Amino acid sequence: MMVFLMLLTNILSTSAGEVFITRGMKQIGEISTLQPRMLLKIAARVLGNPNFLVGLACMAASYVSFLAALSGADMSFIVPITSLAYVVSTLGARFILRENINLMRWAGVSLVCAGAALVTLP
């Protein structure tokens, strides 16, 4: 039961982290320079962005829950199941970030679901 809870936490926190970081970086805007002074200014803006910071915290929770799940089950089971975060992230991109997801991407999401289902078979 603990492994299931850690997997669920991992999947949800990974997806939430990706959505929040994406939202934060879209607020920052495109990074189109390699000048050190400008990169430092951009880094300061990134580190002051609340969406980015929430996303970073979610990603940290994701990593901790991944480690906890690995302590209770085989990696060959845990890693494929965590790929369901791609599904949840795609749904977050569609409904929270309002991105258009084309049919080919939905097909890819379906393949990820099918692969995760195969791993859970005895």
PDB file of N, CA and C in Angstrom:
ATOM      1  N   MET A   1       0.822  -1.201   0.000  1.00  0.00           N
ATOM      2  CA  MET A   1       0.000   0.000   0.000  1.00  0.00           C
ATOM      3  C   MET A   1       0.863   1.261   0.000  1.00  0.00           C
ATOM      4  N   MET A   2       1.976   1.226   0.739  1.00  0.00           N
ATOM      5  CA  MET A   2       2.868   2.383   0.801  1.00  0.00           C
ATOM      6  C   MET A   2       3.491   2.650  -0.568  1.00  0.00           C
ATOM      7  N   VAL A   3       3.853   1.586  -1.285  1.00  0.00           N
ATOM      8  CA  VAL A   3       4.432   1.760  -2.621  1.00  0.00           C
ATOM      9  C   VAL A   3       3.422   2.426  -3.538  1.00  0.00           C
ATOM     10  N   PHE A   4       2.164   1.996  -3.467  1.00  0.00           N
ATOM     11  CA  PHE A   4       1.116   2.605  -4.289  1.00  0.00           C
ATOM     12  C   PHE A   4       0.978   4.091  -3.967  1.00  0.00           C
ATOM     13  N   LEU A   5       0.968   4.422  -2.683  1.00  0.00           N
ATOM     14  CA  LEU A   5       0.851   5.821  -2.265  1.00  0.00           C
ATOM     15  C   LEU A   5       2.037   6.645  -2.761  1.00  0.00           C
ATOM     16  N   MET A   6       3.230   6.082  -2.687  1.00  0.00           N
ATOM     17  CA  MET A   6       4.428   6.788  -3.154  1.00  0.00           C
ATOM     18  C   MET A   6       4.404   6.963  -4.673  1.00  0.00           C
ATOM     19  N   LEU A   7       3.913   5.953  -5.389  1.00  0.00           N
ATOM     20  CA  LEU A   7       3.794   6.070  -6.848  1.00  0.00           C
ATOM     21  C   LEU A   7       2.788   7.148  -7.225  1.00  0.00           C
ATOM     22  N   LEU A   8       1.659   7.163  -6.541  1.00  0.00           N
ATOM     23  CA  LEU A   8       0.649   8.186  -6.809  1.00  0.00           C
ATOM     24  C   LEU A   8       1.201   9.577  -6.509  1.00  0.00           C
ATOM     25  N   THR A   9       1.894   9.706  -5.393  1.00  0.00           N
ATOM     26  CA  THR A   9       2.517  10.987  -5.032  1.00  0.00           C
ATOM     27  C   THR A   9       3.530  11.396  -6.089  1.00  0.00           C
ATOM     28  N   ASN A  10       4.342  10.435  -6.543  1.00  0.00           N
ATOM     29  CA  ASN A  10       5.344  10.722  -7.561  1.00  0.00           C
ATOM     30  C   ASN A  10       4.709  11.205  -8.850  1.00  0.00           C
ATOM     31  N   ILE A  11       3.710  10.501  -9.315  1.00  0.00           N
ATOM     32  CA  ILE A  11       3.061  10.847 -10.585  1.00  0.00           C
ATOM     33  C   ILE A  11       2.418  12.224 -10.504  1.00  0.00           C
ATOM     34  N   LEU A  12       1.687  12.478  -9.427  1.00  0.00           N
ATOM     35  CA  LEU A  12       0.997  13.764  -9.300  1.00  0.00           C
ATOM     36  C   LEU A  12       1.963  14.927  -9.070  1.00  0.00           C
ATOM     37  N   SER A  13       2.980  14.710  -8.236  1.00  0.00           N
ATOM     38  CA  SER A  13       3.915  15.809  -7.969  1.00  0.00           C
ATOM     39  C   SER A  13       4.818  16.090  -9.169  1.00  0.00           C
ATOM     40  N   THR A  14       5.190  15.055  -9.911  1.00  0.00           N
ATOM     41  CA  THR A  14       5.966  15.284 -11.142  1.00  0.00           C
ATOM     42  C   THR A  14       5.161  16.125 -12.117  1.00  0.00           C
ATOM     43  N   SER A  15       3.918  15.731 -12.325  1.00  0.00           N
ATOM     44  CA  SER A  15       3.068  16.455 -13.280  1.00  0.00           C
ATOM     45  C   SER A  15       2.790  17.880 -12.826  1.00  0.00           C
ATOM     46  N   ALA A  16       2.476  18.053 -11.541  1.00  0.00           N
ATOM     47  CA  ALA A  16       2.232  19.402 -11.024  1.00  0.00           C
ATOM     48  C   ALA A  16       3.488  20.250 -11.163  1.00  0.00           C
ATOM     49  N   GLY A  17       4.645  19.669 -10.860  1.00  0.00           N
ATOM     50  CA  GLY A  17       5.904  20.400 -10.991  1.00  0.00           C
ATOM     51  C   GLY A  17       6.148  20.857 -12.414  1.00  0.00           C
ATOM     52  N   GLU A  18       5.892  19.966 -13.364  1.00  0.00           N
ATOM     53  CA  GLU A  18       6.101  20.329 -14.773  1.00  0.00           C
ATOM     54  C   GLU A  18       5.155  21.440 -15.202  1.00  0.00           C
ATOM     55  N   VAL A  19       3.906  21.369 -14.772  1.00  0.00           N
ATOM     56  CA  VAL A  19       2.925  22.400 -15.146  1.00  0.00           C
ATOM     57  C   VAL A  19       3.298  23.745 -14.519  1.00  0.00           C
ATOM     58  N   PHE A  20       3.644  23.745 -13.232  1.00  0.00           N
ATOM     59  CA  PHE A  20       4.008  25.010 -12.569  1.00  0.00           C
ATOM     60  C   PHE A  20       5.291  25.599 -13.144  1.00  0.00           C
ATOM     61  N   ILE A  21       6.289  24.761 -13.399  1.00  0.00           N
ATOM     62  CA  ILE A  21       7.540  25.276 -13.971  1.00  0.00           C
ATOM     63  C   ILE A  21       7.294  25.832 -15.367  1.00  0.00           C
ATOM     64  N   THR A  22       6.473  25.149 -16.150  1.00  0.00           N
ATOM     65  CA  THR A  22       6.147  25.648 -17.491  1.00  0.00           C
ATOM     66  C   THR A  22       5.439  26.994 -17.402  1.00  0.00           C
ATOM     67  N   ARG A  23       4.469  27.090 -16.511  1.00  0.00           N
ATOM     68  CA  ARG A  23       3.740  28.358 -16.349  1.00  0.00           C
ATOM     69  C   ARG A  23       4.703  29.472 -15.941  1.00  0.00           C
ATOM     70  N   GLY A  24       5.584  29.174 -15.000  1.00  0.00           N
ATOM     71  CA  GLY A  24       6.551  30.175 -14.554  1.00  0.00           C
ATOM     72  C   GLY A  24       7.492  30.607 -15.661  1.00  0.00           C
ATOM     73  N   MET A  25       7.983  29.651 -16.428  1.00  0.00           N
ATOM     74  CA  MET A  25       8.927  29.996 -17.492  1.00  0.00           C
ATOM     75  C   MET A  25       8.240  30.751 -18.630  1.00  0.00           C
ATOM     76  N   LYS A  26       6.966  30.468 -18.864  1.00  0.00           N
ATOM     77  CA  LYS A  26       6.243  31.249 -19.870  1.00  0.00           C
ATOM     78  C   LYS A  26       6.058  32.686 -19.405  1.00  0.00           C
ATOM     79  N   GLN A  27       5.944  32.883 -18.099  1.00  0.00           N
ATOM     80  CA  GLN A  27       5.856  34.236 -17.561  1.00  0.00           C
ATOM     81  C   GLN A  27       7.195  34.964 -17.700  1.00  0.00           C
ATOM     82  N   ILE A  28       8.294  34.235 -17.566  1.00  0.00           N
ATOM     83  CA  ILE A  28       9.633  34.821 -17.713  1.00  0.00           C
ATOM     84  C   ILE A  28       9.877  35.209 -19.163  1.00  0.00           C
ATOM     85  N   GLY A  29       9.463  34.358 -20.081  1.00  0.00           N
ATOM     86  CA  GLY A  29       9.659  34.615 -21.502  1.00  0.00           C
ATOM     87  C   GLY A  29      10.834  33.834 -22.053  1.00  0.00           C
ATOM     88  N   GLU A  30      10.997  33.918 -23.340  1.00  0.00           N
ATOM     89  CA  GLU A  30      12.040  33.162 -24.026  1.00  0.00           C
ATOM     90  C   GLU A  30      13.432  33.640 -23.604  1.00  0.00           C
ATOM     91  N   ILE A  31      14.310  32.677 -23.378  1.00  0.00           N
ATOM     92  CA  ILE A  31      15.702  32.997 -23.051  1.00  0.00           C
ATOM     93  C   ILE A  31      16.483  32.911 -24.354  1.00  0.00           C
ATOM     94  N   SER A  32      16.919  34.063 -24.828  1.00  0.00           N
ATOM     95  CA  SER A  32      17.552  34.104 -26.150  1.00  0.00           C
ATOM     96  C   SER A  32      18.945  34.721 -26.109  1.00  0.00           C
ATOM     97  N   THR A  33      19.584  34.639 -24.964  1.00  0.00           N
ATOM     98  CA  THR A  33      20.922  35.218 -24.847  1.00  0.00           C
ATOM     99  C   THR A  33      21.831  34.251 -24.102  1.00  0.00           C
ATOM    100  N   LEU A  34      23.104  34.378 -24.328  1.00  0.00           N
ATOM    101  CA  LEU A  34      24.099  33.623 -23.579  1.00  0.00           C
ATOM    102  C   LEU A  34      25.060  34.557 -22.849  1.00  0.00           C
ATOM    103  N   GLN A  35      24.717  35.835 -22.802  1.00  0.00           N
ATOM    104  CA  GLN A  35      25.549  36.802 -22.110  1.00  0.00           C
ATOM    105  C   GLN A  35      25.415  36.587 -20.599  1.00  0.00           C
ATOM    106  N   PRO A  36      26.536  36.391 -19.910  1.00  0.00           N
ATOM    107  CA  PRO A  36      26.491  36.066 -18.480  1.00  0.00           C
ATOM    108  C   PRO A  36      25.688  37.066 -17.637  1.00  0.00           C
ATOM    109  N   ARG A  37      25.837  38.333 -17.897  1.00  0.00           N
ATOM    110  CA  ARG A  37      25.123  39.343 -17.110  1.00  0.00           C
ATOM    111  C   ARG A  37      23.611  39.204 -17.303  1.00  0.00           C
ATOM    112  N   MET A  38      23.189  38.992 -18.531  1.00  0.00           N
ATOM    113  CA  MET A  38      21.760  38.830 -18.803  1.00  0.00           C
ATOM    114  C   MET A  38      21.235  37.524 -18.215  1.00  0.00           C
ATOM    115  N   LEU A  39      22.044  36.461 -18.287  1.00  0.00           N
ATOM    116  CA  LEU A  39      21.631  35.176 -17.719  1.00  0.00           C
ATOM    117  C   LEU A  39      21.452  35.275 -16.207  1.00  0.00           C
ATOM    118  N   LEU A  40      22.292  36.048 -15.539  1.00  0.00           N
ATOM    119  CA  LEU A  40      22.139  36.253 -14.094  1.00  0.00           C
ATOM    120  C   LEU A  40      20.838  36.997 -13.778  1.00  0.00           C
ATOM    121  N   LYS A  41      20.506  37.985 -14.595  1.00  0.00           N
ATOM    122  CA  LYS A  41      19.251  38.714 -14.395  1.00  0.00           C
ATOM    123  C   LYS A  41      18.050  37.790 -14.605  1.00  0.00           C
ATOM    124  N   ILE A  42      18.143  36.964 -15.639  1.00  0.00           N
ATOM    125  CA  ILE A  42      17.060  36.013 -15.909  1.00  0.00           C
ATOM    126  C   ILE A  42      16.947  35.016 -14.756  1.00  0.00           C
ATOM    127  N   ALA A  43      18.087  34.527 -14.265  1.00  0.00           N
ATOM    128  CA  ALA A  43      18.083  33.574 -13.151  1.00  0.00           C
ATOM    129  C   ALA A  43      17.430  34.198 -11.909  1.00  0.00           C
ATOM    130  N   ALA A  44      17.699  35.451 -11.667  1.00  0.00           N
ATOM    131  CA  ALA A  44      17.091  36.135 -10.525  1.00  0.00           C
ATOM    132  C   ALA A  44      15.572  36.211 -10.702  1.00  0.00           C
ATOM    133  N   ARG A  45      15.127  36.506 -11.917  1.00  0.00           N
ATOM    134  CA  ARG A  45      13.682  36.555 -12.183  1.00  0.00           C
ATOM    135  C   ARG A  45      13.056  35.177 -12.022  1.00  0.00           C
ATOM    136  N   VAL A  46      13.755  34.132 -12.497  1.00  0.00           N
ATOM    137  CA  VAL A  46      13.245  32.765 -12.379  1.00  0.00           C
ATOM    138  C   VAL A  46      13.109  32.391 -10.908  1.00  0.00           C
ATOM    139  N   LEU A  47      14.146  32.661 -10.122  1.00  0.00           N
ATOM    140  CA  LEU A  47      14.135  32.280  -8.703  1.00  0.00           C
ATOM    141  C   LEU A  47      13.157  33.106  -7.873  1.00  0.00           C
ATOM    142  N   GLY A  48      12.669  34.193  -8.430  1.00  0.00           N
ATOM    143  CA  GLY A  48      11.665  35.007  -7.753  1.00  0.00           C
ATOM    144  C   GLY A  48      10.256  34.737  -8.242  1.00  0.00           C
ATOM    145  N   ASN A  49      10.109  33.821  -9.180  1.00  0.00           N
ATOM    146  CA  ASN A  49       8.795  33.523  -9.741  1.00  0.00           C
ATOM    147  C   ASN A  49       8.086  32.478  -8.883  1.00  0.00           C
ATOM    148  N   PRO A  50       6.920  32.812  -8.313  1.00  0.00           N
ATOM    149  CA  PRO A  50       6.219  31.869  -7.437  1.00  0.00           C
ATOM    150  C   PRO A  50       5.853  30.548  -8.124  1.00  0.00           C
ATOM    151  N   ASN A  51       5.434  30.602  -9.378  1.00  0.00           N
ATOM    152  CA  ASN A  51       5.084  29.368 -10.082  1.00  0.00           C
ATOM    153  C   ASN A  51       6.296  28.452 -10.219  1.00  0.00           C
ATOM    154  N   PHE A  52       7.429  29.040 -10.534  1.00  0.00           N
ATOM    155  CA  PHE A  52       8.648  28.238 -10.657  1.00  0.00           C
ATOM    156  C   PHE A  52       9.008  27.602  -9.314  1.00  0.00           C
ATOM    157  N   LEU A  53       8.902  28.363  -8.234  1.00  0.00           N
ATOM    158  CA  LEU A  53       9.266  27.855  -6.910  1.00  0.00           C
ATOM    159  C   LEU A  53       8.330  26.739  -6.449  1.00  0.00           C
ATOM    160  N   VAL A  54       7.038  26.880  -6.724  1.00  0.00           N
ATOM    161  CA  VAL A  54       6.091  25.808  -6.392  1.00  0.00           C
ATOM    162  C   VAL A  54       6.421  24.571  -7.225  1.00  0.00           C
ATOM    163  N   GLY A  55       6.715  24.773  -8.502  1.00  0.00           N
ATOM    164  CA  GLY A  55       7.085  23.651  -9.364  1.00  0.00           C
ATOM    165  C   GLY A  55       8.344  22.955  -8.869  1.00  0.00           C
ATOM    166  N   LEU A  56       9.301  23.729  -8.412  1.00  0.00           N
ATOM    167  CA  LEU A  56      10.543  23.166  -7.885  1.00  0.00           C
ATOM    168  C   LEU A  56      10.275  22.324  -6.632  1.00  0.00           C
ATOM    169  N   ALA A  57       9.401  22.818  -5.760  1.00  0.00           N
ATOM    170  CA  ALA A  57       9.035  22.062  -4.561  1.00  0.00           C
ATOM    171  C   ALA A  57       8.311  20.762  -4.932  1.00  0.00           C
ATOM    172  N   CYS A  58       7.451  20.837  -5.924  1.00  0.00           N
ATOM    173  CA  CYS A  58       6.754  19.625  -6.383  1.00  0.00           C
ATOM    174  C   CYS A  58       7.743  18.608  -6.943  1.00  0.00           C
ATOM    175  N   MET A  59       8.726  19.081  -7.683  1.00  0.00           N
ATOM    176  CA  MET A  59       9.717  18.166  -8.245  1.00  0.00           C
ATOM    177  C   MET A  59      10.565  17.533  -7.143  1.00  0.00           C
ATOM    178  N   ALA A  60      10.849  18.271  -6.088  1.00  0.00           N
ATOM    179  CA  ALA A  60      11.584  17.708  -4.951  1.00  0.00           C
ATOM    180  C   ALA A  60      10.745  16.613  -4.281  1.00  0.00           C
ATOM    181  N   ALA A  61       9.450  16.870  -4.101  1.00  0.00           N
ATOM    182  CA  ALA A  61       8.554  15.862  -3.528  1.00  0.00           C
ATOM    183  C   ALA A  61       8.479  14.638  -4.428  1.00  0.00           C
ATOM    184  N   SER A  62       8.514  14.877  -5.722  1.00  0.00           N
ATOM    185  CA  SER A  62       8.497  13.778  -6.684  1.00  0.00           C
ATOM    186  C   SER A  62       9.710  12.877  -6.508  1.00  0.00           C
ATOM    187  N   TYR A  63      10.870  13.481  -6.342  1.00  0.00           N
ATOM    188  CA  TYR A  63      12.100  12.709  -6.201  1.00  0.00           C
ATOM    189  C   TYR A  63      12.104  11.906  -4.908  1.00  0.00           C
ATOM    190  N   VAL A  64      11.657  12.521  -3.817  1.00  0.00           N
ATOM    191  CA  VAL A  64      11.614  11.832  -2.529  1.00  0.00           C
ATOM    192  C   VAL A  64      10.642  10.653  -2.593  1.00  0.00           C
ATOM    193  N   SER A  65       9.489  10.852  -3.202  1.00  0.00           N
ATOM    194  CA  SER A  65       8.513   9.760  -3.308  1.00  0.00           C
ATOM    195  C   SER A  65       9.021   8.654  -4.233  1.00  0.00           C
ATOM    196  N   PHE A  66       9.782   9.022  -5.251  1.00  0.00           N
ATOM    197  CA  PHE A  66      10.384   8.021  -6.142  1.00  0.00           C
ATOM    198  C   PHE A  66      11.369   7.150  -5.364  1.00  0.00           C
ATOM    199  N   LEU A  67      12.203   7.771  -4.549  1.00  0.00           N
ATOM    200  CA  LEU A  67      13.148   7.017  -3.723  1.00  0.00           C
ATOM    201  C   LEU A  67      12.419   6.100  -2.748  1.00  0.00           C
ATOM    202  N   ALA A  68      11.347   6.601  -2.153  1.00  0.00           N
ATOM    203  CA  ALA A  68      10.572   5.786  -1.209  1.00  0.00           C
ATOM    204  C   ALA A  68       9.930   4.601  -1.922  1.00  0.00           C
ATOM    205  N   ALA A  69       9.421   4.818  -3.118  1.00  0.00           N
ATOM    206  CA  ALA A  69       8.815   3.719  -3.874  1.00  0.00           C
ATOM    207  C   ALA A  69       9.863   2.671  -4.235  1.00  0.00           C
ATOM    208  N   LEU A  70      11.051   3.132  -4.606  1.00  0.00           N
ATOM    209  CA  LEU A  70      12.124   2.192  -4.951  1.00  0.00           C
ATOM    210  C   LEU A  70      12.543   1.335  -3.764  1.00  0.00           C
ATOM    211  N   SER A  71      12.376   1.864  -2.569  1.00  0.00           N
ATOM    212  CA  SER A  71      12.768   1.093  -1.389  1.00  0.00           C
ATOM    213  C   SER A  71      11.789  -0.045  -1.107  1.00  0.00           C
ATOM    214  N   GLY A  72      10.615  -0.011  -1.743  1.00  0.00           N
ATOM    215  CA  GLY A  72       9.607  -1.019  -1.458  1.00  0.00           C
ATOM    216  C   GLY A  72       9.233  -1.926  -2.606  1.00  0.00           C
ATOM    217  N   ALA A  73       9.773  -1.686  -3.794  1.00  0.00           N
ATOM    218  CA  ALA A  73       9.412  -2.516  -4.952  1.00  0.00           C
ATOM    219  C   ALA A  73      10.566  -2.515  -5.956  1.00  0.00           C
ATOM    220  N   ASP A  74      10.459  -3.400  -6.927  1.00  0.00           N
ATOM    221  CA  ASP A  74      11.494  -3.533  -7.952  1.00  0.00           C
ATOM    222  C   ASP A  74      11.504  -2.326  -8.886  1.00  0.00           C
ATOM    223  N   MET A  75      12.694  -1.922  -9.283  1.00  0.00           N
ATOM    224  CA  MET A  75      12.843  -0.811 -10.211  1.00  0.00           C
ATOM    225  C   MET A  75      12.157  -1.121 -11.546  1.00  0.00           C
ATOM    226  N   SER A  76      12.190  -2.375 -11.965  1.00  0.00           N
ATOM    227  CA  SER A  76      11.574  -2.759 -13.238  1.00  0.00           C
ATOM    228  C   SER A  76      10.059  -2.582 -13.214  1.00  0.00           C
ATOM    229  N   PHE A  77       9.485  -2.418 -12.039  1.00  0.00           N
ATOM    230  CA  PHE A  77       8.060  -2.116 -11.902  1.00  0.00           C
ATOM    231  C   PHE A  77       7.842  -0.614 -11.703  1.00  0.00           C
ATOM    232  N   ILE A  78       8.645  -0.015 -10.830  1.00  0.00           N
ATOM    233  CA  ILE A  78       8.462   1.395 -10.457  1.00  0.00           C
ATOM    234  C   ILE A  78       8.664   2.345 -11.633  1.00  0.00           C
ATOM    235  N   VAL A  79       9.769   2.188 -12.339  1.00  0.00           N
ATOM    236  CA  VAL A  79      10.103   3.151 -13.401  1.00  0.00           C
ATOM    237  C   VAL A  79       9.036   3.189 -14.503  1.00  0.00           C
ATOM    238  N   PRO A  80       8.581   2.044 -15.033  1.00  0.00           N
ATOM    239  CA  PRO A  80       7.530   2.128 -16.063  1.00  0.00           C
ATOM    240  C   PRO A  80       6.217   2.729 -15.552  1.00  0.00           C
ATOM    241  N   ILE A  81       5.868   2.438 -14.306  1.00  0.00           N
ATOM    242  CA  ILE A  81       4.625   2.994 -13.771  1.00  0.00           C
ATOM    243  C   ILE A  81       4.715   4.512 -13.634  1.00  0.00           C
ATOM    244  N   THR A  82       5.885   5.021 -13.271  1.00  0.00           N
ATOM    245  CA  THR A  82       6.020   6.477 -13.144  1.00  0.00           C
ATOM    246  C   THR A  82       5.877   7.185 -14.489  1.00  0.00           C
ATOM    247  N   SER A  83       5.944   6.431 -15.581  1.00  0.00           N
ATOM    248  CA  SER A  83       5.732   7.046 -16.897  1.00  0.00           C
ATOM    249  C   SER A  83       4.302   7.557 -17.049  1.00  0.00           C
ATOM    250  N   LEU A  84       3.404   7.132 -16.168  1.00  0.00           N
ATOM    251  CA  LEU A  84       2.045   7.674 -16.207  1.00  0.00           C
ATOM    252  C   LEU A  84       2.032   9.175 -15.930  1.00  0.00           C
ATOM    253  N   ALA A  85       3.124   9.699 -15.394  1.00  0.00           N
ATOM    254  CA  ALA A  85       3.225  11.151 -15.206  1.00  0.00           C
ATOM    255  C   ALA A  85       3.148  11.871 -16.560  1.00  0.00           C
ATOM    256  N   TYR A  86       3.590  11.219 -17.644  1.00  0.00           N
ATOM    257  CA  TYR A  86       3.465  11.828 -18.969  1.00  0.00           C
ATOM    258  C   TYR A  86       1.999  12.031 -19.330  1.00  0.00           C
ATOM    259  N   VAL A  87       1.170  11.087 -18.938  1.00  0.00           N
ATOM    260  CA  VAL A  87      -0.261  11.176 -19.213  1.00  0.00           C
ATOM    261  C   VAL A  87      -0.861  12.345 -18.423  1.00  0.00           C
ATOM    262  N   VAL A  88      -0.575  12.387 -17.128  1.00  0.00           N
ATOM    263  CA  VAL A  88      -1.127  13.443 -16.269  1.00  0.00           C
ATOM    264  C   VAL A  88      -0.575  14.807 -16.692  1.00  0.00           C
ATOM    265  N   SER A  89       0.690  14.860 -17.069  1.00  0.00           N
ATOM    266  CA  SER A  89       1.280  16.126 -17.532  1.00  0.00           C
ATOM    267  C   SER A  89       0.622  16.604 -18.816  1.00  0.00           C
ATOM    268  N   THR A  90       0.326  15.682 -19.711  1.00  0.00           N
ATOM    269  CA  THR A  90      -0.352  16.055 -20.961  1.00  0.00           C
ATOM    270  C   THR A  90      -1.748  16.581 -20.668  1.00  0.00           C
ATOM    271  N   LEU A  91      -2.440  15.946 -19.737  1.00  0.00           N
ATOM    272  CA  LEU A  91      -3.760  16.450 -19.344  1.00  0.00           C
ATOM    273  C   LEU A  91      -3.635  17.827 -18.700  1.00  0.00           C
ATOM    274  N   GLY A  92      -2.601  18.031 -17.882  1.00  0.00           N
ATOM    275  CA  GLY A  92      -2.365  19.345 -17.293  1.00  0.00           C
ATOM    276  C   GLY A  92      -2.064  20.399 -18.348  1.00  0.00           C
ATOM    277  N   ALA A  93      -1.281  20.014 -19.351  1.00  0.00           N
ATOM    278  CA  ALA A  93      -0.974  20.950 -20.442  1.00  0.00           C
ATOM    279  C   ALA A  93      -2.247  21.342 -21.185  1.00  0.00           C
ATOM    280  N   ARG A  94      -3.121  20.371 -21.364  1.00  0.00           N
ATOM    281  CA  ARG A  94      -4.356  20.636 -22.107  1.00  0.00           C
ATOM    282  C   ARG A  94      -5.330  21.501 -21.302  1.00  0.00           C
ATOM    283  N   PHE A  95      -5.566  21.111 -20.058  1.00  0.00           N
ATOM    284  CA  PHE A  95      -6.653  21.753 -19.305  1.00  0.00           C
ATOM    285  C   PHE A  95      -6.208  22.898 -18.403  1.00  0.00           C
ATOM    286  N   ILE A  96      -4.973  22.919 -17.984  1.00  0.00           N
ATOM    287  CA  ILE A  96      -4.503  24.012 -17.123  1.00  0.00           C
ATOM    288  C   ILE A  96      -3.765  25.060 -17.941  1.00  0.00           C
ATOM    289  N   LEU A  97      -2.848  24.617 -18.801  1.00  0.00           N
ATOM    290  CA  LEU A  97      -2.080  25.556 -19.619  1.00  0.00           C
ATOM    291  C   LEU A  97      -2.784  25.910 -20.929  1.00  0.00           C
ATOM    292  N   ARG A  98      -3.875  25.215 -21.210  1.00  0.00           N
ATOM    293  CA  ARG A  98      -4.684  25.468 -22.421  1.00  0.00           C
ATOM    294  C   ARG A  98      -3.912  25.226 -23.717  1.00  0.00           C
ATOM    295  N   GLU A  99      -3.029  24.235 -23.714  1.00  0.00           N
ATOM    296  CA  GLU A  99      -2.291  23.890 -24.926  1.00  0.00           C
ATOM    297  C   GLU A  99      -3.156  22.986 -25.811  1.00  0.00           C
ATOM    298  N   ASN A 100      -2.973  23.118 -27.110  1.00  0.00           N
ATOM    299  CA  ASN A 100      -3.634  22.210 -28.044  1.00  0.00           C
ATOM    300  C   ASN A 100      -2.772  20.968 -28.201  1.00  0.00           C
ATOM    301  N   ILE A 101      -3.373  19.811 -27.996  1.00  0.00           N
ATOM    302  CA  ILE A 101      -2.666  18.540 -28.125  1.00  0.00           C
ATOM    303  C   ILE A 101      -3.211  17.846 -29.358  1.00  0.00           C
ATOM    304  N   ASN A 102      -2.331  17.590 -30.329  1.00  0.00           N
ATOM    305  CA  ASN A 102      -2.811  16.977 -31.566  1.00  0.00           C
ATOM    306  C   ASN A 102      -3.020  15.476 -31.399  1.00  0.00           C
ATOM    307  N   LEU A 103      -3.626  14.867 -32.406  1.00  0.00           N
ATOM    308  CA  LEU A 103      -3.985  13.455 -32.362  1.00  0.00           C
ATOM    309  C   LEU A 103      -2.757  12.554 -32.188  1.00  0.00           C
ATOM    310  N   MET A 104      -1.651  12.912 -32.799  1.00  0.00           N
ATOM    311  CA  MET A 104      -0.442  12.094 -32.690  1.00  0.00           C
ATOM    312  C   MET A 104       0.065  12.058 -31.240  1.00  0.00           C
ATOM    313  N   ARG A 105      -0.020  13.182 -30.561  1.00  0.00           N
ATOM    314  CA  ARG A 105       0.407  13.208 -29.156  1.00  0.00           C
ATOM    315  C   ARG A 105      -0.542  12.399 -28.277  1.00  0.00           C
ATOM    316  N   TRP A 106      -1.848  12.473 -28.558  1.00  0.00           N
ATOM    317  CA  TRP A 106      -2.787  11.648 -27.791  1.00  0.00           C
ATOM    318  C   TRP A 106      -2.526  10.166 -28.050  1.00  0.00           C
ATOM    319  N   ALA A 107      -2.139   9.833 -29.256  1.00  0.00           N
ATOM    320  CA  ALA A 107      -1.782   8.438 -29.557  1.00  0.00           C
ATOM    321  C   ALA A 107      -0.567   8.021 -28.731  1.00  0.00           C
ATOM    322  N   GLY A 108       0.406   8.890 -28.601  1.00  0.00           N
ATOM    323  CA  GLY A 108       1.574   8.603 -27.778  1.00  0.00           C
ATOM    324  C   GLY A 108       1.201   8.412 -26.320  1.00  0.00           C
ATOM    325  N   VAL A 109       0.294   9.239 -25.828  1.00  0.00           N
ATOM    326  CA  VAL A 109      -0.181   9.111 -24.451  1.00  0.00           C
ATOM    327  C   VAL A 109      -0.857   7.752 -24.272  1.00  0.00           C
ATOM    328  N   SER A 110      -1.630   7.342 -25.259  1.00  0.00           N
ATOM    329  CA  SER A 110      -2.297   6.034 -25.199  1.00  0.00           C
ATOM    330  C   SER A 110      -1.282   4.896 -25.155  1.00  0.00           C
ATOM    331  N   LEU A 111      -0.206   5.024 -25.911  1.00  0.00           N
ATOM    332  CA  LEU A 111       0.836   3.995 -25.886  1.00  0.00           C
ATOM    333  C   LEU A 111       1.527   3.922 -24.530  1.00  0.00           C
ATOM    334  N   VAL A 112       1.735   5.068 -23.898  1.00  0.00           N
ATOM    335  CA  VAL A 112       2.322   5.080 -22.553  1.00  0.00           C
ATOM    336  C   VAL A 112       1.399   4.338 -21.585  1.00  0.00           C
ATOM    337  N   CYS A 113       0.096   4.592 -21.684  1.00  0.00           N
ATOM    338  CA  CYS A 113      -0.867   3.908 -20.815  1.00  0.00           C
ATOM    339  C   CYS A 113      -0.841   2.398 -21.056  1.00  0.00           C
ATOM    340  N   ALA A 114      -0.778   2.006 -22.320  1.00  0.00           N
ATOM    341  CA  ALA A 114      -0.735   0.587 -22.649  1.00  0.00           C
ATOM    342  C   ALA A 114       0.540  -0.064 -22.100  1.00  0.00           C
ATOM    343  N   GLY A 115       1.655   0.619 -22.216  1.00  0.00           N
ATOM    344  CA  GLY A 115       2.908   0.100 -21.688  1.00  0.00           C
ATOM    345  C   GLY A 115       2.877  -0.055 -20.173  1.00  0.00           C
ATOM    346  N   ALA A 116       2.321   0.935 -19.488  1.00  0.00           N
ATOM    347  CA  ALA A 116       2.210   0.848 -18.032  1.00  0.00           C
ATOM    348  C   ALA A 116       1.298  -0.296 -17.628  1.00  0.00           C
ATOM    349  N   ALA A 117       0.221  -0.500 -18.386  1.00  0.00           N
ATOM    350  CA  ALA A 117      -0.694  -1.604 -18.091  1.00  0.00           C
ATOM    351  C   ALA A 117       0.001  -2.953 -18.262  1.00  0.00           C
ATOM    352  N   LEU A 118       0.820  -3.068 -19.282  1.00  0.00           N
ATOM    353  CA  LEU A 118       1.547  -4.331 -19.509  1.00  0.00           C
ATOM    354  C   LEU A 118       2.485  -4.657 -18.357  1.00  0.00           C
ATOM    355  N   VAL A 119       3.102  -3.653 -17.786  1.00  0.00           N
ATOM    356  CA  VAL A 119       4.041  -3.870 -16.682  1.00  0.00           C
ATOM    357  C   VAL A 119       3.327  -4.393 -15.444  1.00  0.00           C
ATOM    358  N   THR A 120       2.065  -4.007 -15.264  1.00  0.00           N
ATOM    359  CA  THR A 120       1.359  -4.417 -14.047  1.00  0.00           C
ATOM    360  C   THR A 120       0.805  -5.836 -14.144  1.00  0.00           C
ATOM    361  N   LEU A 121       0.814  -6.430 -15.331  1.00  0.00           N
ATOM    362  CA  LEU A 121       0.313  -7.798 -15.461  1.00  0.00           C
ATOM    363  C   LEU A 121       1.209  -8.776 -14.713  1.00  0.00           C
ATOM    364  N   PRO A 122       0.604  -9.820 -14.137  1.00  0.00           N
ATOM    365  CA  PRO A 122       1.427 -10.809 -13.402  1.00  0.00           C
ATOM    366  C   PRO A 122       2.338 -11.612 -14.331  1.00  0.00           C
TER     367      PRO A 122
END
